[in-house]
């Protein structure tokens, strides 16, 4: 099973769990506000719960290994993981700090 599919299934299960927790308060609120409980309204609440939990799971937890993805794109170690910039980036950085034209007219790296 892929990581993305696993995250979706966890989101669906979490949404159903959240719906189970708020089912009685939602029924009480519907009865109080509309005079009766209608199943389509409860289904709407369930869909919102599942959607929200799935969306939260997919945005918070990455569905891929960052290091593997970066290696496959660049063929080497990730440049953005390095704590210091490359030596060839110093003209770009110095020009930006000095108020010069960005990027400088000279050869600049892809930082």
PDB file of N, CA and C in Angstrom:
ATOM      1  N   UNK A   1       0.850  -1.175   0.000  1.00  0.00           N
ATOM      2  CA  UNK A   1       0.000   0.000   0.000  1.00  0.00           C
ATOM      3  C   UNK A   1       0.895   1.236   0.000  1.00  0.00           C
ATOM      4  N   UNK A   2       0.570   2.180  -0.841  1.00  0.00           N
ATOM      5  CA  UNK A   2       1.392   3.380  -0.927  1.00  0.00           C
ATOM      6  C   UNK A   2       1.163   4.276   0.293  1.00  0.00           C
ATOM      7  N   UNK A   3       2.120   5.139   0.526  1.00  0.00           N
ATOM      8  CA  UNK A   3       2.050   6.046   1.671  1.00  0.00           C
ATOM      9  C   UNK A   3       0.869   7.008   1.541  1.00  0.00           C
ATOM     10  N   UNK A   4       0.605   7.466   0.331  1.00  0.00           N
ATOM     11  CA  UNK A   4      -0.496   8.390   0.101  1.00  0.00           C
ATOM     12  C   UNK A   4      -1.842   7.726   0.397  1.00  0.00           C
ATOM     13  N   UNK A   5      -2.020   6.511  -0.056  1.00  0.00           N
ATOM     14  CA  UNK A   5      -3.259   5.782   0.205  1.00  0.00           C
ATOM     15  C   UNK A   5      -3.432   5.530   1.696  1.00  0.00           C
ATOM     16  N   UNK A   6      -2.336   5.224   2.373  1.00  0.00           N
ATOM     17  CA  UNK A   6      -2.415   5.013   3.818  1.00  0.00           C
ATOM     18  C   UNK A   6      -2.869   6.283   4.535  1.00  0.00           C
ATOM     19  N   UNK A   7      -2.344   7.434   4.116  1.00  0.00           N
ATOM     20  CA  UNK A   7      -2.750   8.695   4.736  1.00  0.00           C
ATOM     21  C   UNK A   7      -4.223   9.002   4.478  1.00  0.00           C
ATOM     22  N   UNK A   8      -4.702   8.689   3.287  1.00  0.00           N
ATOM     23  CA  UNK A   8      -6.115   8.907   2.975  1.00  0.00           C
ATOM     24  C   UNK A   8      -6.993   8.016   3.843  1.00  0.00           C
ATOM     25  N   UNK A   9      -6.621   6.755   3.994  1.00  0.00           N
ATOM     26  CA  UNK A   9      -7.408   5.844   4.821  1.00  0.00           C
ATOM     27  C   UNK A   9      -7.404   6.268   6.290  1.00  0.00           C
ATOM     28  N   UNK A  10      -6.271   6.742   6.774  1.00  0.00           N
ATOM     29  CA  UNK A  10      -6.212   7.245   8.152  1.00  0.00           C
ATOM     30  C   UNK A  10      -7.094   8.485   8.295  1.00  0.00           C
ATOM     31  N   UNK A  11      -7.114   9.347   7.294  1.00  0.00           N
ATOM     32  CA  UNK A  11      -7.976  10.519   7.328  1.00  0.00           C
ATOM     33  C   UNK A  11      -9.449  10.151   7.342  1.00  0.00           C
ATOM     34  N   UNK A  12      -9.823   9.167   6.541  1.00  0.00           N
ATOM     35  CA  UNK A  12     -11.219   8.722   6.516  1.00  0.00           C
ATOM     36  C   UNK A  12     -11.607   8.121   7.858  1.00  0.00           C
ATOM     37  N   UNK A  13     -10.745   7.260   8.408  1.00  0.00           N
ATOM     38  CA  UNK A  13     -11.037   6.670   9.716  1.00  0.00           C
ATOM     39  C   UNK A  13     -11.098   7.745  10.801  1.00  0.00           C
ATOM     40  N   UNK A  14     -10.201   8.713  10.755  1.00  0.00           N
ATOM     41  CA  UNK A  14     -10.232   9.800  11.726  1.00  0.00           C
ATOM     42  C   UNK A  14     -11.480  10.643  11.597  1.00  0.00           C
ATOM     43  N   UNK A  15     -11.924  10.901  10.355  1.00  0.00           N
ATOM     44  CA  UNK A  15     -13.147  11.664  10.134  1.00  0.00           C
ATOM     45  C   UNK A  15     -14.373  10.951  10.661  1.00  0.00           C
ATOM     46  N   UNK A  16     -14.416   9.643  10.470  1.00  0.00           N
ATOM     47  CA  UNK A  16     -15.529   8.864  11.009  1.00  0.00           C
ATOM     48  C   UNK A  16     -15.496   8.885  12.535  1.00  0.00           C
ATOM     49  N   UNK A  17     -14.293   8.832  13.094  1.00  0.00           N
ATOM     50  CA  UNK A  17     -14.166   8.915  14.558  1.00  0.00           C
ATOM     51  C   UNK A  17     -14.624  10.256  15.106  1.00  0.00           C
ATOM     52  N   UNK A  18     -14.241  11.340  14.431  1.00  0.00           N
ATOM     53  CA  UNK A  18     -14.682  12.671  14.856  1.00  0.00           C
ATOM     54  C   UNK A  18     -16.195  12.780  14.734  1.00  0.00           C
ATOM     55  N   UNK A  19     -16.754  12.240  13.651  1.00  0.00           N
ATOM     56  CA  UNK A  19     -18.208  12.266  13.477  1.00  0.00           C
ATOM     57  C   UNK A  19     -18.905  11.497  14.587  1.00  0.00           C
ATOM     58  N   UNK A  20     -18.346  10.349  14.985  1.00  0.00           N
ATOM     59  CA  UNK A  20     -18.951   9.572  16.071  1.00  0.00           C
ATOM     60  C   UNK A  20     -18.948  10.365  17.381  1.00  0.00           C
ATOM     61  N   UNK A  21     -17.908  11.157  17.591  1.00  0.00           N
ATOM     62  CA  UNK A  21     -17.830  11.954  18.822  1.00  0.00           C
ATOM     63  C   UNK A  21     -18.858  13.087  18.808  1.00  0.00           C
ATOM     64  N   UNK A  22     -19.059  13.717  17.649  1.00  0.00           N
ATOM     65  CA  UNK A  22     -19.960  14.871  17.599  1.00  0.00           C
ATOM     66  C   UNK A  22     -21.363  14.520  17.117  1.00  0.00           C
ATOM     67  N   UNK A  23     -21.681  13.228  16.977  1.00  0.00           N
ATOM     68  CA  UNK A  23     -22.991  12.824  16.469  1.00  0.00           C
ATOM     69  C   UNK A  23     -24.122  13.278  17.394  1.00  0.00           C
ATOM     70  N   UNK A  24     -24.031  12.970  18.668  1.00  0.00           N
ATOM     71  CA  UNK A  24     -25.106  13.350  19.591  1.00  0.00           C
ATOM     72  C   UNK A  24     -25.257  14.866  19.718  1.00  0.00           C
ATOM     73  N   UNK A  25     -24.172  15.639  19.880  1.00  0.00           N
ATOM     74  CA  UNK A  25     -24.362  17.098  19.899  1.00  0.00           C
ATOM     75  C   UNK A  25     -24.934  17.644  18.588  1.00  0.00           C
ATOM     76  N   UNK A  26     -24.566  17.057  17.443  1.00  0.00           N
ATOM     77  CA  UNK A  26     -25.100  17.513  16.163  1.00  0.00           C
ATOM     78  C   UNK A  26     -26.593  17.211  16.064  1.00  0.00           C
ATOM     79  N   UNK A  27     -27.003  16.043  16.544  1.00  0.00           N
ATOM     80  CA  UNK A  27     -28.426  15.705  16.532  1.00  0.00           C
ATOM     81  C   UNK A  27     -29.206  16.627  17.458  1.00  0.00           C
ATOM     82  N   UNK A  28     -28.661  16.906  18.621  1.00  0.00           N
ATOM     83  CA  UNK A  28     -29.326  17.812  19.575  1.00  0.00           C
ATOM     84  C   UNK A  28     -29.462  19.211  18.974  1.00  0.00           C
ATOM     85  N   UNK A  29     -28.411  19.690  18.351  1.00  0.00           N
ATOM     86  CA  UNK A  29     -28.434  21.023  17.755  1.00  0.00           C
ATOM     87  C   UNK A  29     -29.442  21.106  16.599  1.00  0.00           C
ATOM     88  N   UNK A  30     -29.507  20.067  15.780  1.00  0.00           N
ATOM     89  CA  UNK A  30     -30.474  20.066  14.683  1.00  0.00           C
ATOM     90  C   UNK A  30     -31.913  20.019  15.201  1.00  0.00           C
ATOM     91  N   UNK A  31     -32.155  19.205  16.229  1.00  0.00           N
ATOM     92  CA  UNK A  31     -33.496  19.117  16.796  1.00  0.00           C
ATOM     93  C   UNK A  31     -33.898  20.458  17.406  1.00  0.00           C
ATOM     94  N   UNK A  32     -32.971  21.109  18.052  1.00  0.00           N
ATOM     95  CA  UNK A  32     -33.268  22.387  18.696  1.00  0.00           C
ATOM     96  C   UNK A  32     -33.487  23.493  17.658  1.00  0.00           C
ATOM     97  N   UNK A  33     -32.664  23.500  16.607  1.00  0.00           N
ATOM     98  CA  UNK A  33     -32.745  24.586  15.629  1.00  0.00           C
ATOM     99  C   UNK A  33     -33.847  24.384  14.588  1.00  0.00           C
ATOM    100  N   UNK A  34     -34.001  23.166  14.078  1.00  0.00           N
ATOM    101  CA  UNK A  34     -34.944  22.915  12.988  1.00  0.00           C
ATOM    102  C   UNK A  34     -36.185  22.137  13.429  1.00  0.00           C
ATOM    103  N   UNK A  35     -36.224  21.657  14.655  1.00  0.00           N
ATOM    104  CA  UNK A  35     -37.386  20.918  15.147  1.00  0.00           C
ATOM    105  C   UNK A  35     -37.332  19.424  14.895  1.00  0.00           C
ATOM    106  N   UNK A  36     -36.436  18.981  14.042  1.00  0.00           N
ATOM    107  CA  UNK A  36     -36.279  17.547  13.779  1.00  0.00           C
ATOM    108  C   UNK A  36     -34.888  17.281  13.219  1.00  0.00           C
ATOM    109  N   UNK A  37     -34.522  16.026  13.237  1.00  0.00           N
ATOM    110  CA  UNK A  37     -33.225  15.608  12.717  1.00  0.00           C
ATOM    111  C   UNK A  37     -33.450  14.991  11.342  1.00  0.00           C
ATOM    112  N   UNK A  38     -32.737  15.504  10.345  1.00  0.00           N
ATOM    113  CA  UNK A  38     -32.843  14.955   8.995  1.00  0.00           C
ATOM    114  C   UNK A  38     -31.540  14.255   8.644  1.00  0.00           C
ATOM    115  N   UNK A  39     -31.633  13.023   8.117  1.00  0.00           N
ATOM    116  CA  UNK A  39     -30.423  12.280   7.739  1.00  0.00           C
ATOM    117  C   UNK A  39     -29.522  12.997   6.734  1.00  0.00           C
ATOM    118  N   UNK A  40     -30.045  13.736   5.739  1.00  0.00           N
ATOM    119  CA  UNK A  40     -29.122  14.433   4.826  1.00  0.00           C
ATOM    120  C   UNK A  40     -28.234  15.454   5.538  1.00  0.00           C
ATOM    121  N   UNK A  41     -28.772  16.103   6.565  1.00  0.00           N
ATOM    122  CA  UNK A  41     -27.943  17.043   7.327  1.00  0.00           C
ATOM    123  C   UNK A  41     -26.845  16.312   8.078  1.00  0.00           C
ATOM    124  N   UNK A  42     -27.178  15.171   8.664  1.00  0.00           N
ATOM    125  CA  UNK A  42     -26.157  14.382   9.364  1.00  0.00           C
ATOM    126  C   UNK A  42     -25.117  13.853   8.380  1.00  0.00           C
ATOM    127  N   UNK A  43     -25.558  13.475   7.188  1.00  0.00           N
ATOM    128  CA  UNK A  43     -24.604  13.021   6.170  1.00  0.00           C
ATOM    129  C   UNK A  43     -23.671  14.164   5.775  1.00  0.00           C
ATOM    130  N   UNK A  44     -24.214  15.372   5.708  1.00  0.00           N
ATOM    131  CA  UNK A  44     -23.370  16.537   5.409  1.00  0.00           C
ATOM    132  C   UNK A  44     -22.325  16.768   6.483  1.00  0.00           C
ATOM    133  N   UNK A  45     -22.708  16.609   7.738  1.00  0.00           N
ATOM    134  CA  UNK A  45     -21.754  16.747   8.842  1.00  0.00           C
ATOM    135  C   UNK A  45     -20.683  15.667   8.744  1.00  0.00           C
ATOM    136  N   UNK A  46     -21.087  14.448   8.409  1.00  0.00           N
ATOM    137  CA  UNK A  46     -20.124  13.351   8.270  1.00  0.00           C
ATOM    138  C   UNK A  46     -19.141  13.617   7.135  1.00  0.00           C
ATOM    139  N   UNK A  47     -19.635  14.108   6.017  1.00  0.00           N
ATOM    140  CA  UNK A  47     -18.761  14.401   4.872  1.00  0.00           C
ATOM    141  C   UNK A  47     -17.761  15.502   5.232  1.00  0.00           C
ATOM    142  N   UNK A  48     -18.231  16.521   5.938  1.00  0.00           N
ATOM    143  CA  UNK A  48     -17.332  17.600   6.355  1.00  0.00           C
ATOM    144  C   UNK A  48     -16.257  17.067   7.297  1.00  0.00           C
ATOM    145  N   UNK A  49     -16.622  16.196   8.227  1.00  0.00           N
ATOM    146  CA  UNK A  49     -15.639  15.617   9.157  1.00  0.00           C
ATOM    147  C   UNK A  49     -14.589  14.797   8.417  1.00  0.00           C
ATOM    148  N   UNK A  50     -15.030  13.931   7.510  1.00  0.00           N
ATOM    149  CA  UNK A  50     -14.089  13.085   6.768  1.00  0.00           C
ATOM    150  C   UNK A  50     -13.193  13.944   5.880  1.00  0.00           C
ATOM    151  N   UNK A  51     -13.775  14.922   5.193  1.00  0.00           N
ATOM    152  CA  UNK A  51     -12.996  15.797   4.324  1.00  0.00           C
ATOM    153  C   UNK A  51     -11.936  16.561   5.113  1.00  0.00           C
ATOM    154  N   UNK A  52     -12.337  17.133   6.239  1.00  0.00           N
ATOM    155  CA  UNK A  52     -11.409  17.925   7.038  1.00  0.00           C
ATOM    156  C   UNK A  52     -10.274  17.078   7.581  1.00  0.00           C
ATOM    157  N   UNK A  53     -10.575  15.910   8.092  1.00  0.00           N
ATOM    158  CA  UNK A  53      -9.521  15.057   8.644  1.00  0.00           C
ATOM    159  C   UNK A  53      -8.586  14.542   7.546  1.00  0.00           C
ATOM    160  N   UNK A  54      -9.129  14.198   6.392  1.00  0.00           N
ATOM    161  CA  UNK A  54      -8.284  13.734   5.294  1.00  0.00           C
ATOM    162  C   UNK A  54      -7.392  14.861   4.796  1.00  0.00           C
ATOM    163  N   UNK A  55      -7.952  16.048   4.637  1.00  0.00           N
ATOM    164  CA  UNK A  55      -7.163  17.194   4.195  1.00  0.00           C
ATOM    165  C   UNK A  55      -6.072  17.536   5.208  1.00  0.00           C
ATOM    166  N   UNK A  56      -6.409  17.501   6.482  1.00  0.00           N
ATOM    167  CA  UNK A  56      -5.411  17.788   7.515  1.00  0.00           C
ATOM    168  C   UNK A  56      -4.298  16.742   7.496  1.00  0.00           C
ATOM    169  N   UNK A  57      -4.667  15.478   7.348  1.00  0.00           N
ATOM    170  CA  UNK A  57      -3.655  14.429   7.307  1.00  0.00           C
ATOM    171  C   UNK A  57      -2.728  14.540   6.114  1.00  0.00           C
ATOM    172  N   UNK A  58      -3.281  14.903   4.968  1.00  0.00           N
ATOM    173  CA  UNK A  58      -2.458  15.007   3.767  1.00  0.00           C
ATOM    174  C   UNK A  58      -1.570  16.239   3.769  1.00  0.00           C
ATOM    175  N   UNK A  59      -1.980  17.295   4.449  1.00  0.00           N
ATOM    176  CA  UNK A  59      -1.156  18.498   4.461  1.00  0.00           C
ATOM    177  C   UNK A  59      -0.140  18.505   5.591  1.00  0.00           C
ATOM    178  N   UNK A  60      -0.440  17.847   6.681  1.00  0.00           N
ATOM    179  CA  UNK A  60       0.475  17.855   7.828  1.00  0.00           C
ATOM    180  C   UNK A  60       1.558  16.788   7.673  1.00  0.00           C
ATOM    181  N   UNK A  61       1.186  15.596   7.285  1.00  0.00           N
ATOM    182  CA  UNK A  61       2.141  14.495   7.175  1.00  0.00           C
ATOM    183  C   UNK A  61       2.586  14.359   5.720  1.00  0.00           C
ATOM    184  N   UNK A  62       3.872  14.438   5.447  1.00  0.00           N
ATOM    185  CA  UNK A  62       4.308  14.267   4.062  1.00  0.00           C
ATOM    186  C   UNK A  62       4.092  12.830   3.607  1.00  0.00           C
ATOM    187  N   UNK A  63       3.664  12.665   2.381  1.00  0.00           N
ATOM    188  CA  UNK A  63       3.383  11.336   1.846  1.00  0.00           C
ATOM    189  C   UNK A  63       4.585  10.746   1.128  1.00  0.00           C
ATOM    190  N   UNK A  64       5.749  11.312   1.341  1.00  0.00           N
ATOM    191  CA  UNK A  64       6.932  10.832   0.663  1.00  0.00           C
ATOM    192  C   UNK A  64       8.141  11.096   1.543  1.00  0.00           C
ATOM    193  N   UNK A  65       9.210  10.395   1.247  1.00  0.00           N
ATOM    194  CA  UNK A  65      10.461  10.603   1.964  1.00  0.00           C
ATOM    195  C   UNK A  65      11.204  11.758   1.300  1.00  0.00           C
ATOM    196  N   UNK A  66      11.429  12.822   2.036  1.00  0.00           N
ATOM    197  CA  UNK A  66      12.022  14.033   1.480  1.00  0.00           C
ATOM    198  C   UNK A  66      13.409  13.764   0.903  1.00  0.00           C
ATOM    199  N   UNK A  67      14.230  13.028   1.600  1.00  0.00           N
ATOM    200  CA  UNK A  67      15.595  12.774   1.134  1.00  0.00           C
ATOM    201  C   UNK A  67      15.598  11.968  -0.166  1.00  0.00           C
ATOM    202  N   UNK A  68      14.720  10.972  -0.261  1.00  0.00           N
ATOM    203  CA  UNK A  68      14.662  10.156  -1.478  1.00  0.00           C
ATOM    204  C   UNK A  68      14.185  10.998  -2.653  1.00  0.00           C
ATOM    205  N   UNK A  69      13.174  11.820  -2.434  1.00  0.00           N
ATOM    206  CA  UNK A  69      12.665  12.668  -3.504  1.00  0.00           C
ATOM    207  C   UNK A  69      13.722  13.650  -3.983  1.00  0.00           C
ATOM    208  N   UNK A  70      14.454  14.245  -3.055  1.00  0.00           N
ATOM    209  CA  UNK A  70      15.473  15.226  -3.425  1.00  0.00           C
ATOM    210  C   UNK A  70      16.620  14.557  -4.177  1.00  0.00           C
ATOM    211  N   UNK A  71      17.025  13.368  -3.746  1.00  0.00           N
ATOM    212  CA  UNK A  71      18.092  12.653  -4.439  1.00  0.00           C
ATOM    213  C   UNK A  71      17.680  12.315  -5.864  1.00  0.00           C
ATOM    214  N   UNK A  72      16.426  11.929  -6.050  1.00  0.00           N
ATOM    215  CA  UNK A  72      15.994  11.553  -7.395  1.00  0.00           C
ATOM    216  C   UNK A  72      15.900  12.772  -8.312  1.00  0.00           C
ATOM    217  N   UNK A  73      15.655  13.941  -7.755  1.00  0.00           N
ATOM    218  CA  UNK A  73      15.558  15.147  -8.584  1.00  0.00           C
ATOM    219  C   UNK A  73      16.929  15.740  -8.886  1.00  0.00           C
ATOM    220  N   UNK A  74      17.807  15.772  -7.896  1.00  0.00           N
ATOM    221  CA  UNK A  74      19.087  16.448  -8.098  1.00  0.00           C
ATOM    222  C   UNK A  74      20.234  15.486  -8.379  1.00  0.00           C
ATOM    223  N   UNK A  75      20.047  14.218  -8.082  1.00  0.00           N
ATOM    224  CA  UNK A  75      21.093  13.247  -8.311  1.00  0.00           C
ATOM    225  C   UNK A  75      22.146  13.244  -7.222  1.00  0.00           C
ATOM    226  N   UNK A  76      21.981  14.056  -6.216  1.00  0.00           N
ATOM    227  CA  UNK A  76      22.945  14.135  -5.117  1.00  0.00           C
ATOM    228  C   UNK A  76      22.212  14.537  -3.852  1.00  0.00           C
ATOM    229  N   UNK A  77      22.999  15.025  -2.924  1.00  0.00           N
ATOM    230  CA  UNK A  77      22.441  15.479  -1.662  1.00  0.00           C
ATOM    231  C   UNK A  77      21.618  16.743  -1.869  1.00  0.00           C
ATOM    232  N   UNK A  78      20.612  16.952  -1.035  1.00  0.00           N
ATOM    233  CA  UNK A  78      19.765  18.137  -1.166  1.00  0.00           C
ATOM    234  C   UNK A  78      20.549  19.394  -0.848  1.00  0.00           C
ATOM    235  N   UNK A  79      20.460  20.376  -1.734  1.00  0.00           N
ATOM    236  CA  UNK A  79      21.164  21.639  -1.516  1.00  0.00           C
ATOM    237  C   UNK A  79      20.508  22.443  -0.414  1.00  0.00           C
ATOM    238  N   UNK A  80      19.186  22.323  -0.248  1.00  0.00           N
ATOM    239  CA  UNK A  80      18.511  23.136   0.757  1.00  0.00           C
ATOM    240  C   UNK A  80      18.712  22.598   2.168  1.00  0.00           C
ATOM    241  N   UNK A  81      19.260  21.394   2.290  1.00  0.00           N
ATOM    242  CA  UNK A  81      19.537  20.847   3.616  1.00  0.00           C
ATOM    243  C   UNK A  81      20.839  21.415   4.171  1.00  0.00           C
ATOM    244  N   UNK A  82      21.724  21.846   3.311  1.00  0.00           N
ATOM    245  CA  UNK A  82      23.013  22.365   3.761  1.00  0.00           C
ATOM    246  C   UNK A  82      22.822  23.604   4.619  1.00  0.00           C
ATOM    247  N   UNK A  83      23.647  23.727   5.633  1.00  0.00           N
ATOM    248  CA  UNK A  83      23.519  24.879   6.528  1.00  0.00           C
ATOM    249  C   UNK A  83      24.221  26.116   5.986  1.00  0.00           C
ATOM    250  N   UNK A  84      25.192  25.934   5.105  1.00  0.00           N
ATOM    251  CA  UNK A  84      25.895  27.078   4.522  1.00  0.00           C
ATOM    252  C   UNK A  84      25.691  27.073   3.013  1.00  0.00           C
ATOM    253  N   UNK A  85      25.605  28.249   2.397  1.00  0.00           N
ATOM    254  CA  UNK A  85      25.400  28.274   0.949  1.00  0.00           C
ATOM    255  C   UNK A  85      26.653  27.833   0.205  1.00  0.00           C
ATOM    256  N   UNK A  86      26.479  27.520  -1.042  1.00  0.00           N
ATOM    257  CA  UNK A  86      27.609  27.147  -1.888  1.00  0.00           C
ATOM    258  C   UNK A  86      28.519  28.354  -2.079  1.00  0.00           C
ATOM    259  N   UNK A  87      29.813  28.114  -2.305  1.00  0.00           N
ATOM    260  CA  UNK A  87      30.719  29.241  -2.522  1.00  0.00           C
ATOM    261  C   UNK A  87      30.329  30.085  -3.730  1.00  0.00           C
ATOM    262  N   UNK A  88      29.738  29.481  -4.750  1.00  0.00           N
ATOM    263  CA  UNK A  88      29.377  30.252  -5.932  1.00  0.00           C
ATOM    264  C   UNK A  88      28.144  31.125  -5.700  1.00  0.00           C
ATOM    265  N   UNK A  89      27.483  30.961  -4.578  1.00  0.00           N
ATOM    266  CA  UNK A  89      26.308  31.782  -4.266  1.00  0.00           C
ATOM    267  C   UNK A  89      26.693  33.100  -3.608  1.00  0.00           C
ATOM    268  N   UNK A  90      27.915  33.220  -3.146  1.00  0.00           N
ATOM    269  CA  UNK A  90      28.293  34.439  -2.439  1.00  0.00           C
ATOM    270  C   UNK A  90      28.169  35.704  -3.277  1.00  0.00           C
ATOM    271  N   UNK A  91      28.445  35.725  -4.612  1.00  0.00           N
ATOM    272  CA  UNK A  91      28.208  36.970  -5.358  1.00  0.00           C
ATOM    273  C   UNK A  91      26.737  37.383  -5.351  1.00  0.00           C
ATOM    274  N   UNK A  92      25.854  36.402  -5.437  1.00  0.00           N
ATOM    275  CA  UNK A  92      24.421  36.714  -5.413  1.00  0.00           C
ATOM    276  C   UNK A  92      24.030  37.306  -4.073  1.00  0.00           C
ATOM    277  N   UNK A  93      24.477  36.683  -3.009  1.00  0.00           N
ATOM    278  CA  UNK A  93      24.124  37.135  -1.666  1.00  0.00           C
ATOM    279  C   UNK A  93      24.719  38.510  -1.393  1.00  0.00           C
ATOM    280  N   UNK A  94      25.980  38.706  -1.769  1.00  0.00           N
ATOM    281  CA  UNK A  94      26.629  40.000  -1.528  1.00  0.00           C
ATOM    282  C   UNK A  94      25.945  41.102  -2.324  1.00  0.00           C
ATOM    283  N   UNK A  95      25.554  40.819  -3.543  1.00  0.00           N
ATOM    284  CA  UNK A  95      24.884  41.822  -4.354  1.00  0.00           C
ATOM    285  C   UNK A  95      23.529  42.193  -3.761  1.00  0.00           C
ATOM    286  N   UNK A  96      22.824  41.198  -3.255  1.00  0.00           N
ATOM    287  CA  UNK A  96      21.524  41.464  -2.652  1.00  0.00           C
ATOM    288  C   UNK A  96      21.640  42.285  -1.389  1.00  0.00           C
ATOM    289  N   UNK A  97      22.663  42.048  -0.598  1.00  0.00           N
ATOM    290  CA  UNK A  97      22.852  42.802   0.643  1.00  0.00           C
ATOM    291  C   UNK A  97      23.349  44.217   0.381  1.00  0.00           C
ATOM    292  N   UNK A  98      24.115  44.393  -0.679  1.00  0.00           N
ATOM    293  CA  UNK A  98      24.686  45.702  -0.970  1.00  0.00           C
ATOM    294  C   UNK A  98      23.722  46.633  -1.691  1.00  0.00           C
ATOM    295  N   UNK A  99      22.508  46.196  -1.944  1.00  0.00           N
ATOM    296  CA  UNK A  99      21.544  47.036  -2.621  1.00  0.00           C
ATOM    297  C   UNK A  99      21.718  47.058  -4.120  1.00  0.00           C
ATOM    298  N   UNK A 100      22.533  46.166  -4.636  1.00  0.00           N
ATOM    299  CA  UNK A 100      22.767  46.108  -6.077  1.00  0.00           C
ATOM    300  C   UNK A 100      21.608  45.447  -6.807  1.00  0.00           C
ATOM    301  N   UNK A 101      21.788  45.328  -8.104  1.00  0.00           N
ATOM    302  CA  UNK A 101      20.758  44.720  -8.939  1.00  0.00           C
ATOM    303  C   UNK A 101      20.630  43.230  -8.591  1.00  0.00           C
ATOM    304  N   UNK A 102      19.417  42.726  -8.518  1.00  0.00           N
ATOM    305  CA  UNK A 102      19.195  41.320  -8.175  1.00  0.00           C
ATOM    306  C   UNK A 102      18.569  40.615  -9.350  1.00  0.00           C
ATOM    307  N   UNK A 103      19.073  39.545  -9.852  1.00  0.00           N
ATOM    308  CA  UNK A 103      20.385  38.988  -9.600  1.00  0.00           C
ATOM    309  C   UNK A 103      21.445  39.820 -10.300  1.00  0.00           C
ATOM    310  N   UNK A 104      22.688  39.696  -9.864  1.00  0.00           N
ATOM    311  CA  UNK A 104      23.739  40.497 -10.482  1.00  0.00           C
ATOM    312  C   UNK A 104      23.945  40.092 -11.934  1.00  0.00           C
ATOM    313  N   UNK A 105      24.494  41.023 -12.695  1.00  0.00           N
ATOM    314  CA  UNK A 105      24.717  40.757 -14.122  1.00  0.00           C
ATOM    315  C   UNK A 105      25.759  39.673 -14.328  1.00  0.00           C
ATOM    316  N   UNK A 106      26.624  39.489 -13.349  1.00  0.00           N
ATOM    317  CA  UNK A 106      27.645  38.441 -13.475  1.00  0.00           C
ATOM    318  C   UNK A 106      26.993  37.060 -13.345  1.00  0.00           C
ATOM    319  N   UNK A 107      27.777  36.073 -13.593  1.00  0.00           N
ATOM    320  CA  UNK A 107      27.304  34.703 -13.512  1.00  0.00           C
ATOM    321  C   UNK A 107      26.811  34.405 -12.093  1.00  0.00           C
ATOM    322  N   UNK A 108      25.619  33.877 -11.995  1.00  0.00           N
ATOM    323  CA  UNK A 108      25.032  33.600 -10.685  1.00  0.00           C
ATOM    324  C   UNK A 108      24.588  32.146 -10.665  1.00  0.00           C
ATOM    325  N   UNK A 109      24.666  31.556  -9.528  1.00  0.00           N
ATOM    326  CA  UNK A 109      24.268  30.147  -9.392  1.00  0.00           C
ATOM    327  C   UNK A 109      22.767  30.051  -9.207  1.00  0.00           C
ATOM    328  N   UNK A 110      22.283  28.820  -9.214  1.00  0.00           N
ATOM    329  CA  UNK A 110      20.880  28.557  -8.898  1.00  0.00           C
ATOM    330  C   UNK A 110      20.818  28.164  -7.432  1.00  0.00           C
ATOM    331  N   UNK A 111      20.768  29.123  -6.566  1.00  0.00           N
ATOM    332  CA  UNK A 111      20.785  28.853  -5.118  1.00  0.00           C
ATOM    333  C   UNK A 111      19.474  28.292  -4.666  1.00  0.00           C
TER     334      UNK A 111
END
